Amino acid sequence: MSPSWRDRIDVFFAPDRVDLVRFPRGIKRQLCNRLWAGCEFKPGIPPWASSLEQLERMVADSVGAEMTVTVSNSFVRYAVLAAQKNISSLAELEAFAAFQMREIYGERTAAWVISVGAWNPGKGGVCAGIERSLFEGLEECAGRHKIRLKYVEPYLTGAFDHWYKQFGDNRAWFALIETGRLCLVLLEHSIWQRISNQRVLHNTQEELLAALDQEALFSGHKKAIEAVYLYAPAHPTLVLPDDCGWHVAHLHTQNAPPVPLHYPHYPSTAAAVTAGVS
């Protein structure tokens, strides 16, 4: 079946929520509906299990559709891949990514699915890992409902690909904030330099500033004032102190591509489903 003749479902999958948008089949697709559902953590089961149960309910009437899933940074671990001009095959690249992840995260990476983003032997790239059991759970969910799972992508790399043209060719910081999670990236001349993926425990503004100062220190230098490109839908007016050396550029207000519709959102106009209701 041609993809244009399938309904399309785009999903954002996080520990505390599942967001879903549906586009009906056809060449000129228009948004059909937009749903989100809250999820509760349940002790004794994987942190993604409640979200997967909710996704099952939300796609119960979606036989024949095509689905993409963007996975929260809470479920993903990242590593920067340095330039390696001697890598000449996909197998060598995958082995290099697996080695880098194991060096950072240890033997638990054996239970992960590891993928590599856009790769340039002269500039390097980034790789990501999610638990294989989560990936297989998404595949099985799609299979049970006869849905074609087109791809599963990490939130950070998906958002980066969407907005990277805004960052310019020099030094750029990109921060992605969701519930309980802050992901921060430093780019130099479009080359990945550092990635920080950490919990937000208390005050979002203070923890963003602390993370920026720490990563700037690790990078070896900092300009008097630097801009950080920010997407934080739960904090649309977040600013940093005037004298802190940082300026926030909110991506949702810049002359930038619009926010993908399935990304987490908080407007009162969005339809919601409660846990247990499709």
Foldseek 3Di string as FASTA:
>chain_A
DDQLQAKEKEWEAELFKIKIWIWHHHDDTDTDAIEMETFDADPPDPSRVRSLLQVLQVCLPRARHAYEYAYELVQKDKDWFAAALPDDDPVSVVVSQLVRCCVPPNPVQVQWDKDWDDQDNHQTGMMMIGGPVVVVSVVVSCVVRNYHYPYYHYPVVVVCVQFVVVQDQAWAKEWEDDQQWIWIWIDGRNHTDDIDIHGDDDDPQVVVLVVVVVVCVVVPHADQAEEYEYEYQVCQPDAHDPRSRYGYDYQCPDPGPHDPSNPDHDDPPHHYDYPPHD
